[in-house]
Amino acid sequence: MTKGMKHMSKRVMRGARKLEILVNNFLGTGPGAKSKSTRCPEGYVTFDKWLSCYKFSTFNASWYEARDFCTGMDSDLVSIDSLKEQFLVSFFIRNNPGT
């Protein structure tokens, strides 16, 4: 590797570590994390300072079956309203397989 590429690689890794720390702190999963909010029903996930509750499932269903399941639980399918919400939900799914 050239000197410039090594320097760039180090900067990228430092940035990735900082991002991971920020995300863990925001999600409440890092060191010193606060206990999860109790405002969501059992089995649902919420993120610190976030208004929504999420229920992740691993069963296969059509969109209609999934929506019926959600409405039966007085809920609805997720509707992503922002890039930040997309990031949080995607991050959770990638880092919690089988949830």
PDB file of N, CA and C in Angstrom:
ATOM      1  N   MET A   1       0.823  -1.188   0.000  1.00  0.00           N
ATOM      2  CA  MET A   1       0.000   0.000   0.000  1.00  0.00           C
ATOM      3  C   MET A   1       0.865   1.248   0.000  1.00  0.00           C
ATOM      4  N   THR A   2       0.374   2.236  -0.628  1.00  0.00           N
ATOM      5  CA  THR A   2       1.105   3.497  -0.605  1.00  0.00           C
ATOM      6  C   THR A   2       0.864   4.191   0.726  1.00  0.00           C
ATOM      7  N   LYS A   3       1.704   5.136   1.019  1.00  0.00           N
ATOM      8  CA  LYS A   3       1.595   5.880   2.280  1.00  0.00           C
ATOM      9  C   LYS A   3       0.231   6.565   2.406  1.00  0.00           C
ATOM     10  N   GLY A   4      -0.234   7.154   1.297  1.00  0.00           N
ATOM     11  CA  GLY A   4      -1.530   7.831   1.306  1.00  0.00           C
ATOM     12  C   GLY A   4      -2.684   6.879   1.572  1.00  0.00           C
ATOM     13  N   MET A   5      -2.622   5.675   1.006  1.00  0.00           N
ATOM     14  CA  MET A   5      -3.692   4.685   1.212  1.00  0.00           C
ATOM     15  C   MET A   5      -3.711   4.196   2.657  1.00  0.00           C
ATOM     16  N   LYS A   6      -2.525   4.008   3.262  1.00  0.00           N
ATOM     17  CA  LYS A   6      -2.461   3.584   4.660  1.00  0.00           C
ATOM     18  C   LYS A   6      -3.080   4.643   5.562  1.00  0.00           C
ATOM     19  N   HIS A   7      -2.741   5.902   5.287  1.00  0.00           N
ATOM     20  CA  HIS A   7      -3.293   7.006   6.080  1.00  0.00           C
ATOM     21  C   HIS A   7      -4.820   7.053   5.938  1.00  0.00           C
ATOM     22  N   MET A   8      -5.313   6.905   4.712  1.00  0.00           N
ATOM     23  CA  MET A   8      -6.754   6.906   4.451  1.00  0.00           C
ATOM     24  C   MET A   8      -7.430   5.739   5.177  1.00  0.00           C
ATOM     25  N   SER A   9      -6.798   4.567   5.143  1.00  0.00           N
ATOM     26  CA  SER A   9      -7.354   3.393   5.801  1.00  0.00           C
ATOM     27  C   SER A   9      -7.490   3.624   7.305  1.00  0.00           C
ATOM     28  N   LYS A  10      -6.482   4.217   7.918  1.00  0.00           N
ATOM     29  CA  LYS A  10      -6.533   4.505   9.356  1.00  0.00           C
ATOM     30  C   LYS A  10      -7.653   5.482   9.676  1.00  0.00           C
ATOM     31  N   ARG A  11      -7.807   6.511   8.831  1.00  0.00           N
ATOM     32  CA  ARG A  11      -8.871   7.496   9.050  1.00  0.00           C
ATOM     33  C   ARG A  11     -10.244   6.853   8.933  1.00  0.00           C
ATOM     34  N   VAL A  12     -10.417   5.974   7.958  1.00  0.00           N
ATOM     35  CA  VAL A  12     -11.699   5.287   7.777  1.00  0.00           C
ATOM     36  C   VAL A  12     -12.001   4.415   8.989  1.00  0.00           C
ATOM     37  N   MET A  13     -11.018   3.675   9.477  1.00  0.00           N
ATOM     38  CA  MET A  13     -11.230   2.803  10.640  1.00  0.00           C
ATOM     39  C   MET A  13     -11.563   3.628  11.895  1.00  0.00           C
ATOM     40  N   ARG A  14     -10.864   4.749  12.103  1.00  0.00           N
ATOM     41  CA  ARG A  14     -11.185   5.608  13.250  1.00  0.00           C
ATOM     42  C   ARG A  14     -12.614   6.138  13.138  1.00  0.00           C
ATOM     43  N   GLY A  15     -12.986   6.554  11.932  1.00  0.00           N
ATOM     44  CA  GLY A  15     -14.341   7.051  11.714  1.00  0.00           C
ATOM     45  C   GLY A  15     -15.378   5.973  11.957  1.00  0.00           C
ATOM     46  N   ALA A  16     -15.096   4.755  11.519  1.00  0.00           N
ATOM     47  CA  ALA A  16     -16.030   3.641  11.727  1.00  0.00           C
ATOM     48  C   ALA A  16     -16.189   3.346  13.211  1.00  0.00           C
ATOM     49  N   ARG A  17     -15.091   3.373  13.960  1.00  0.00           N
ATOM     50  CA  ARG A  17     -15.180   3.130  15.411  1.00  0.00           C
ATOM     51  C   ARG A  17     -15.989   4.230  16.098  1.00  0.00           C
ATOM     52  N   LYS A  18     -15.763   5.490  15.697  1.00  0.00           N
ATOM     53  CA  LYS A  18     -16.530   6.597  16.285  1.00  0.00           C
ATOM     54  C   LYS A  18     -18.012   6.454  15.971  1.00  0.00           C
ATOM     55  N   LEU A  19     -18.318   6.080  14.728  1.00  0.00           N
ATOM     56  CA  LEU A  19     -19.711   5.892  14.338  1.00  0.00           C
ATOM     57  C   LEU A  19     -20.348   4.770  15.141  1.00  0.00           C
ATOM     58  N   GLU A  20     -19.629   3.679  15.332  1.00  0.00           N
ATOM     59  CA  GLU A  20     -20.162   2.553  16.109  1.00  0.00           C
ATOM     60  C   GLU A  20     -20.453   2.980  17.542  1.00  0.00           C
ATOM     61  N   ILE A  21     -19.569   3.745  18.139  1.00  0.00           N
ATOM     62  CA  ILE A  21     -19.780   4.225  19.506  1.00  0.00           C
ATOM     63  C   ILE A  21     -21.007   5.127  19.574  1.00  0.00           C
ATOM     64  N   LEU A  22     -21.130   6.050  18.616  1.00  0.00           N
ATOM     65  CA  LEU A  22     -22.287   6.943  18.596  1.00  0.00           C
ATOM     66  C   LEU A  22     -23.591   6.165  18.437  1.00  0.00           C
ATOM     67  N   VAL A  23     -23.614   5.195  17.527  1.00  0.00           N
ATOM     68  CA  VAL A  23     -24.821   4.391  17.304  1.00  0.00           C
ATOM     69  C   VAL A  23     -25.150   3.590  18.547  1.00  0.00           C
ATOM     70  N   ASN A  24     -24.158   2.942  19.156  1.00  0.00           N
ATOM     71  CA  ASN A  24     -24.407   2.160  20.369  1.00  0.00           C
ATOM     72  C   ASN A  24     -24.947   3.039  21.491  1.00  0.00           C
ATOM     73  N   ASN A  25     -24.396   4.230  21.642  1.00  0.00           N
ATOM     74  CA  ASN A  25     -24.900   5.143  22.663  1.00  0.00           C
ATOM     75  C   ASN A  25     -26.331   5.566  22.359  1.00  0.00           C
ATOM     76  N   PHE A  26     -26.626   5.852  21.088  1.00  0.00           N
ATOM     77  CA  PHE A  26     -27.971   6.262  20.704  1.00  0.00           C
ATOM     78  C   PHE A  26     -28.971   5.130  20.908  1.00  0.00           C
ATOM     79  N   LEU A  27     -28.556   3.892  20.583  1.00  0.00           N
ATOM     80  CA  LEU A  27     -29.456   2.745  20.720  1.00  0.00           C
ATOM     81  C   LEU A  27     -29.531   2.241  22.150  1.00  0.00           C
ATOM     82  N   GLY A  28     -28.647   2.737  23.002  1.00  0.00           N
ATOM     83  CA  GLY A  28     -28.662   2.277  24.385  1.00  0.00           C
ATOM     84  C   GLY A  28     -28.043   0.906  24.545  1.00  0.00           C
ATOM     85  N   THR A  29     -27.113   0.513  23.663  1.00  0.00           N
ATOM     86  CA  THR A  29     -26.503  -0.806  23.767  1.00  0.00           C
ATOM     87  C   THR A  29     -25.025  -0.729  24.103  1.00  0.00           C
ATOM     88  N   GLY A  30     -24.488   0.457  24.250  1.00  0.00           N
ATOM     89  CA  GLY A  30     -23.064   0.611  24.542  1.00  0.00           C
ATOM     90  C   GLY A  30     -22.800   0.517  26.031  1.00  0.00           C
ATOM     91  N   PRO A  31     -21.526   0.645  26.421  1.00  0.00           N
ATOM     92  CA  PRO A  31     -21.192   0.639  27.838  1.00  0.00           C
ATOM     93  C   PRO A  31     -21.926   1.753  28.574  1.00  0.00           C
ATOM     94  N   GLY A  32     -22.449   1.462  29.722  1.00  0.00           N
ATOM     95  CA  GLY A  32     -23.182   2.453  30.500  1.00  0.00           C
ATOM     96  C   GLY A  32     -24.562   2.741  29.957  1.00  0.00           C
ATOM     97  N   ALA A  33     -25.097   1.840  29.142  1.00  0.00           N
ATOM     98  CA  ALA A  33     -26.420   2.054  28.544  1.00  0.00           C
ATOM     99  C   ALA A  33     -27.493   2.058  29.615  1.00  0.00           C
ATOM    100  N   LYS A  34     -28.491   2.873  29.399  1.00  0.00           N
ATOM    101  CA  LYS A  34     -29.625   2.936  30.305  1.00  0.00           C
ATOM    102  C   LYS A  34     -30.553   1.760  30.029  1.00  0.00           C
ATOM    103  N   SER A  35     -31.402   1.426  30.996  1.00  0.00           N
ATOM    104  CA  SER A  35     -32.348   0.332  30.781  1.00  0.00           C
ATOM    105  C   SER A  35     -33.351   0.719  29.711  1.00  0.00           C
ATOM    106  N   LYS A  36     -33.894  -0.273  29.044  1.00  0.00           N
ATOM    107  CA  LYS A  36     -34.853  -0.041  27.962  1.00  0.00           C
ATOM    108  C   LYS A  36     -36.132   0.591  28.503  1.00  0.00           C
ATOM    109  N   SER A  37     -36.744   1.354  27.679  1.00  0.00           N
ATOM    110  CA  SER A  37     -37.995   1.999  28.039  1.00  0.00           C
ATOM    111  C   SER A  37     -39.075   0.947  28.251  1.00  0.00           C
ATOM    112  N   THR A  38     -39.974   1.192  29.185  1.00  0.00           N
ATOM    113  CA  THR A  38     -41.058   0.243  29.443  1.00  0.00           C
ATOM    114  C   THR A  38     -42.356   0.693  28.790  1.00  0.00           C
ATOM    115  N   ARG A  39     -42.316   1.696  27.940  1.00  0.00           N
ATOM    116  CA  ARG A  39     -43.533   2.186  27.311  1.00  0.00           C
ATOM    117  C   ARG A  39     -43.987   1.307  26.157  1.00  0.00           C
ATOM    118  N   CYS A  40     -43.150   0.411  25.656  1.00  0.00           N
ATOM    119  CA  CYS A  40     -43.520  -0.491  24.567  1.00  0.00           C
ATOM    120  C   CYS A  40     -43.951  -1.836  25.136  1.00  0.00           C
ATOM    121  N   PRO A  41     -44.872  -2.517  24.455  1.00  0.00           N
ATOM    122  CA  PRO A  41     -45.292  -3.837  24.922  1.00  0.00           C
ATOM    123  C   PRO A  41     -44.117  -4.817  24.938  1.00  0.00           C
ATOM    124  N   GLU A  42     -44.230  -5.838  25.739  1.00  0.00           N
ATOM    125  CA  GLU A  42     -43.183  -6.858  25.805  1.00  0.00           C
ATOM    126  C   GLU A  42     -42.980  -7.484  24.422  1.00  0.00           C
ATOM    127  N   GLY A  43     -41.739  -7.701  24.058  1.00  0.00           N
ATOM    128  CA  GLY A  43     -41.425  -8.258  22.750  1.00  0.00           C
ATOM    129  C   GLY A  43     -41.177  -7.215  21.681  1.00  0.00           C
ATOM    130  N   TYR A  44     -41.417  -5.950  22.006  1.00  0.00           N
ATOM    131  CA  TYR A  44     -41.179  -4.856  21.073  1.00  0.00           C
ATOM    132  C   TYR A  44     -39.851  -4.188  21.426  1.00  0.00           C
ATOM    133  N   VAL A  45     -39.259  -3.537  20.462  1.00  0.00           N
ATOM    134  CA  VAL A  45     -37.984  -2.853  20.637  1.00  0.00           C
ATOM    135  C   VAL A  45     -38.209  -1.372  20.412  1.00  0.00           C
ATOM    136  N   THR A  46     -37.549  -0.565  21.228  1.00  0.00           N
ATOM    137  CA  THR A  46     -37.541   0.874  21.002  1.00  0.00           C
ATOM    138  C   THR A  46     -36.115   1.349  21.129  1.00  0.00           C
ATOM    139  N   PHE A  47     -35.816   2.478  20.566  1.00  0.00           N
ATOM    140  CA  PHE A  47     -34.493   3.063  20.655  1.00  0.00           C
ATOM    141  C   PHE A  47     -34.588   4.280  21.548  1.00  0.00           C
ATOM    142  N   ASP A  48     -33.543   4.520  22.352  1.00  0.00           N
ATOM    143  CA  ASP A  48     -33.542   5.688  23.232  1.00  0.00           C
ATOM    144  C   ASP A  48     -33.907   6.946  22.451  1.00  0.00           C
ATOM    145  N   LYS A  49     -34.725   7.777  23.050  1.00  0.00           N
ATOM    146  CA  LYS A  49     -35.145   9.050  22.457  1.00  0.00           C
ATOM    147  C   LYS A  49     -35.919   8.863  21.152  1.00  0.00           C
ATOM    148  N   TRP A  50     -36.566   7.726  20.974  1.00  0.00           N
ATOM    149  CA  TRP A  50     -37.312   7.438  19.754  1.00  0.00           C
ATOM    150  C   TRP A  50     -38.760   7.198  20.129  1.00  0.00           C
ATOM    151  N   LEU A  51     -39.695   7.635  19.320  1.00  0.00           N
ATOM    152  CA  LEU A  51     -41.108   7.544  19.665  1.00  0.00           C
ATOM    153  C   LEU A  51     -41.754   6.212  19.296  1.00  0.00           C
ATOM    154  N   SER A  52     -41.189   5.496  18.330  1.00  0.00           N
ATOM    155  CA  SER A  52     -41.827   4.281  17.825  1.00  0.00           C
ATOM    156  C   SER A  52     -41.361   3.028  18.556  1.00  0.00           C
ATOM    157  N   CYS A  53     -42.218   2.007  18.518  1.00  0.00           N
ATOM    158  CA  CYS A  53     -41.881   0.674  19.008  1.00  0.00           C
ATOM    159  C   CYS A  53     -41.884  -0.254  17.794  1.00  0.00           C
ATOM    160  N   TYR A  54     -40.961  -1.196  17.769  1.00  0.00           N
ATOM    161  CA  TYR A  54     -40.834  -2.103  16.630  1.00  0.00           C
ATOM    162  C   TYR A  54     -40.902  -3.549  17.112  1.00  0.00           C
ATOM    163  N   LYS A  55     -41.585  -4.375  16.333  1.00  0.00           N
ATOM    164  CA  LYS A  55     -41.606  -5.824  16.593  1.00  0.00           C
ATOM    165  C   LYS A  55     -41.002  -6.480  15.372  1.00  0.00           C
ATOM    166  N   PHE A  56     -39.900  -7.169  15.565  1.00  0.00           N
ATOM    167  CA  PHE A  56     -39.224  -7.854  14.473  1.00  0.00           C
ATOM    168  C   PHE A  56     -39.630  -9.319  14.504  1.00  0.00           C
ATOM    169  N   SER A  57     -39.883  -9.878  13.338  1.00  0.00           N
ATOM    170  CA  SER A  57     -40.267 -11.282  13.268  1.00  0.00           C
ATOM    171  C   SER A  57     -39.432 -11.987  12.220  1.00  0.00           C
ATOM    172  N   THR A  58     -39.387 -13.306  12.310  1.00  0.00           N
ATOM    173  CA  THR A  58     -38.598 -14.084  11.364  1.00  0.00           C
ATOM    174  C   THR A  58     -39.452 -15.021  10.528  1.00  0.00           C
ATOM    175  N   PHE A  59     -40.765 -14.973  10.694  1.00  0.00           N
ATOM    176  CA  PHE A  59     -41.605 -15.871   9.904  1.00  0.00           C
ATOM    177  C   PHE A  59     -41.880 -15.282   8.537  1.00  0.00           C
ATOM    178  N   ASN A  60     -42.069 -16.156   7.558  1.00  0.00           N
ATOM    179  CA  ASN A  60     -42.363 -15.719   6.192  1.00  0.00           C
ATOM    180  C   ASN A  60     -43.865 -15.530   6.033  1.00  0.00           C
ATOM    181  N   ALA A  61     -44.238 -14.433   5.436  1.00  0.00           N
ATOM    182  CA  ALA A  61     -45.654 -14.142   5.202  1.00  0.00           C
ATOM    183  C   ALA A  61     -45.765 -13.171   4.037  1.00  0.00           C
ATOM    184  N   SER A  62     -46.911 -13.166   3.417  1.00  0.00           N
ATOM    185  CA  SER A  62     -47.153 -12.164   2.385  1.00  0.00           C
ATOM    186  C   SER A  62     -47.357 -10.817   3.080  1.00  0.00           C
ATOM    187  N   TRP A  63     -47.354  -9.761   2.301  1.00  0.00           N
ATOM    188  CA  TRP A  63     -47.575  -8.438   2.857  1.00  0.00           C
ATOM    189  C   TRP A  63     -48.925  -8.388   3.566  1.00  0.00           C
ATOM    190  N   TYR A  64     -49.955  -8.995   2.943  1.00  0.00           N
ATOM    191  CA  TYR A  64     -51.301  -8.981   3.514  1.00  0.00           C
ATOM    192  C   TYR A  64     -51.364  -9.774   4.816  1.00  0.00           C
ATOM    193  N   GLU A  65     -50.714 -10.932   4.850  1.00  0.00           N
ATOM    194  CA  GLU A  65     -50.687 -11.731   6.087  1.00  0.00           C
ATOM    195  C   GLU A  65     -49.950 -10.987   7.190  1.00  0.00           C
ATOM    196  N   ALA A  66     -48.828 -10.352   6.836  1.00  0.00           N
ATOM    197  CA  ALA A  66     -48.063  -9.594   7.827  1.00  0.00           C
ATOM    198  C   ALA A  66     -48.880  -8.413   8.359  1.00  0.00           C
ATOM    199  N   ARG A  67     -49.590  -7.745   7.483  1.00  0.00           N
ATOM    200  CA  ARG A  67     -50.411  -6.611   7.915  1.00  0.00           C
ATOM    201  C   ARG A  67     -51.547  -7.088   8.818  1.00  0.00           C
ATOM    202  N   ASP A  68     -52.183  -8.213   8.472  1.00  0.00           N
ATOM    203  CA  ASP A  68     -53.234  -8.775   9.330  1.00  0.00           C
ATOM    204  C   ASP A  68     -52.676  -9.131  10.707  1.00  0.00           C
ATOM    205  N   PHE A  69     -51.495  -9.708  10.735  1.00  0.00           N
ATOM    206  CA  PHE A  69     -50.851 -10.059  12.001  1.00  0.00           C
ATOM    207  C   PHE A  69     -50.632  -8.804  12.840  1.00  0.00           C
ATOM    208  N   CYS A  70     -50.107  -7.760  12.197  1.00  0.00           N
ATOM    209  CA  CYS A  70     -49.843  -6.510  12.915  1.00  0.00           C
ATOM    210  C   CYS A  70     -51.130  -5.859  13.423  1.00  0.00           C
ATOM    211  N   THR A  71     -52.136  -5.775  12.593  1.00  0.00           N
ATOM    212  CA  THR A  71     -53.380  -5.135  13.035  1.00  0.00           C
ATOM    213  C   THR A  71     -54.046  -5.949  14.135  1.00  0.00           C
ATOM    214  N   GLY A  72     -53.834  -7.262  14.123  1.00  0.00           N
ATOM    215  CA  GLY A  72     -54.355  -8.098  15.206  1.00  0.00           C
ATOM    216  C   GLY A  72     -53.679  -7.806  16.535  1.00  0.00           C
ATOM    217  N   MET A  73     -52.505  -7.197  16.481  1.00  0.00           N
ATOM    218  CA  MET A  73     -51.767  -6.829  17.700  1.00  0.00           C
ATOM    219  C   MET A  73     -51.896  -5.331  17.972  1.00  0.00           C
ATOM    220  N   ASP A  74     -52.936  -4.707  17.374  1.00  0.00           N
ATOM    221  CA  ASP A  74     -53.173  -3.269  17.519  1.00  0.00           C
ATOM    222  C   ASP A  74     -51.938  -2.470  17.109  1.00  0.00           C
ATOM    223  N   SER A  75     -51.385  -2.849  15.952  1.00  0.00           N
ATOM    224  CA  SER A  75     -50.163  -2.255  15.436  1.00  0.00           C
ATOM    225  C   SER A  75     -50.279  -2.133  13.924  1.00  0.00           C
ATOM    226  N   ASP A  76     -49.207  -1.799  13.246  1.00  0.00           N
ATOM    227  CA  ASP A  76     -49.200  -1.744  11.789  1.00  0.00           C
ATOM    228  C   ASP A  76     -47.801  -2.043  11.293  1.00  0.00           C
ATOM    229  N   LEU A  77     -47.683  -2.334  10.006  1.00  0.00           N
ATOM    230  CA  LEU A  77     -46.372  -2.553   9.420  1.00  0.00           C
ATOM    231  C   LEU A  77     -45.556  -1.272   9.495  1.00  0.00           C
ATOM    232  N   VAL A  78     -44.252  -1.435   9.569  1.00  0.00           N
ATOM    233  CA  VAL A  78     -43.385  -0.265   9.671  1.00  0.00           C
ATOM    234  C   VAL A  78     -43.475   0.573   8.403  1.00  0.00           C
ATOM    235  N   SER A  79     -43.442   1.860   8.610  1.00  0.00           N
ATOM    236  CA  SER A  79     -43.391   2.820   7.512  1.00  0.00           C
ATOM    237  C   SER A  79     -42.229   3.742   7.826  1.00  0.00           C
ATOM    238  N   ILE A  80     -41.162   3.618   7.053  1.00  0.00           N
ATOM    239  CA  ILE A  80     -39.951   4.392   7.296  1.00  0.00           C
ATOM    240  C   ILE A  80     -40.169   5.827   6.835  1.00  0.00           C
ATOM    241  N   ASP A  81     -40.017   6.774   7.764  1.00  0.00           N
ATOM    242  CA  ASP A  81     -40.299   8.175   7.469  1.00  0.00           C
ATOM    243  C   ASP A  81     -39.070   9.048   7.290  1.00  0.00           C
ATOM    244  N   SER A  82     -37.890   8.509   7.601  1.00  0.00           N
ATOM    245  CA  SER A  82     -36.684   9.329   7.474  1.00  0.00           C
ATOM    246  C   SER A  82     -35.470   8.437   7.241  1.00  0.00           C
ATOM    247  N   LEU A  83     -34.408   9.053   6.793  1.00  0.00           N
ATOM    248  CA  LEU A  83     -33.162   8.329   6.591  1.00  0.00           C
ATOM    249  C   LEU A  83     -32.623   7.830   7.923  1.00  0.00           C
ATOM    250  N   LYS A  84     -32.800   8.613   8.972  1.00  0.00           N
ATOM    251  CA  LYS A  84     -32.339   8.211  10.303  1.00  0.00           C
ATOM    252  C   LYS A  84     -33.075   6.957  10.769  1.00  0.00           C
ATOM    253  N   GLU A  85     -34.390   6.914  10.553  1.00  0.00           N
ATOM    254  CA  GLU A  85     -35.156   5.735  10.944  1.00  0.00           C
ATOM    255  C   GLU A  85     -34.731   4.529  10.111  1.00  0.00           C
ATOM    256  N   GLN A  86     -34.497   4.721   8.821  1.00  0.00           N
ATOM    257  CA  GLN A  86     -34.016   3.641   7.961  1.00  0.00           C
ATOM    258  C   GLN A  86     -32.692   3.098   8.491  1.00  0.00           C
ATOM    259  N   PHE A  87     -31.798   3.991   8.879  1.00  0.00           N
ATOM    260  CA  PHE A  87     -30.507   3.590   9.406  1.00  0.00           C
ATOM    261  C   PHE A  87     -30.664   2.796  10.696  1.00  0.00           C
ATOM    262  N   LEU A  88     -31.481   3.294  11.619  1.00  0.00           N
ATOM    263  CA  LEU A  88     -31.659   2.606  12.903  1.00  0.00           C
ATOM    264  C   LEU A  88     -32.260   1.214  12.734  1.00  0.00           C
ATOM    265  N   VAL A  89     -33.304   1.102  11.931  1.00  0.00           N
ATOM    266  CA  VAL A  89     -33.958  -0.196  11.729  1.00  0.00           C
ATOM    267  C   VAL A  89     -33.000  -1.154  11.016  1.00  0.00           C
ATOM    268  N   SER A  90     -32.327  -0.688   9.982  1.00  0.00           N
ATOM    269  CA  SER A  90     -31.371  -1.533   9.253  1.00  0.00           C
ATOM    270  C   SER A  90     -30.226  -1.972  10.160  1.00  0.00           C
ATOM    271  N   PHE A  91     -29.712  -1.048  10.964  1.00  0.00           N
ATOM    272  CA  PHE A  91     -28.625  -1.362  11.886  1.00  0.00           C
ATOM    273  C   PHE A  91     -29.065  -2.435  12.876  1.00  0.00           C
ATOM    274  N   PHE A  92     -30.264  -2.292  13.418  1.00  0.00           N
ATOM    275  CA  PHE A  92     -30.759  -3.270  14.381  1.00  0.00           C
ATOM    276  C   PHE A  92     -30.892  -4.653  13.742  1.00  0.00           C
ATOM    277  N   ILE A  93     -31.460  -4.714  12.543  1.00  0.00           N
ATOM    278  CA  ILE A  93     -31.649  -5.996  11.865  1.00  0.00           C
ATOM    279  C   ILE A  93     -30.309  -6.660  11.580  1.00  0.00           C
ATOM    280  N   ARG A  94     -29.346  -5.890  11.081  1.00  0.00           N
ATOM    281  CA  ARG A  94     -28.027  -6.461  10.765  1.00  0.00           C
ATOM    282  C   ARG A  94     -27.307  -6.956  12.014  1.00  0.00           C
ATOM    283  N   ASN A  95     -27.508  -6.305  13.128  1.00  0.00           N
ATOM    284  CA  ASN A  95     -26.769  -6.644  14.338  1.00  0.00           C
ATOM    285  C   ASN A  95     -27.531  -7.520  15.326  1.00  0.00           C
ATOM    286  N   ASN A  96     -28.730  -7.932  14.963  1.00  0.00           N
ATOM    287  CA  ASN A  96     -29.539  -8.817  15.807  1.00  0.00           C
ATOM    288  C   ASN A  96     -30.199  -9.894  14.954  1.00  0.00           C
ATOM    289  N   PRO A  97     -29.383 -10.753  14.327  1.00  0.00           N
ATOM    290  CA  PRO A  97     -29.979 -11.800  13.477  1.00  0.00           C
ATOM    291  C   PRO A  97     -30.871 -12.725  14.296  1.00  0.00           C
ATOM    292  N   GLY A  98     -31.960 -13.120  13.722  1.00  0.00           N
ATOM    293  CA  GLY A  98     -32.870 -14.028  14.406  1.00  0.00           C
ATOM    294  C   GLY A  98     -33.828 -13.345  15.359  1.00  0.00           C
ATOM    295  N   THR A  99     -33.814 -12.019  15.400  1.00  0.00           N
ATOM    296  CA  THR A  99     -34.728 -11.291  16.284  1.00  0.00           C
ATOM    297  C   THR A  99     -36.087 -11.208  15.668  1.00  0.00           C
TER     298      THR A  99
END
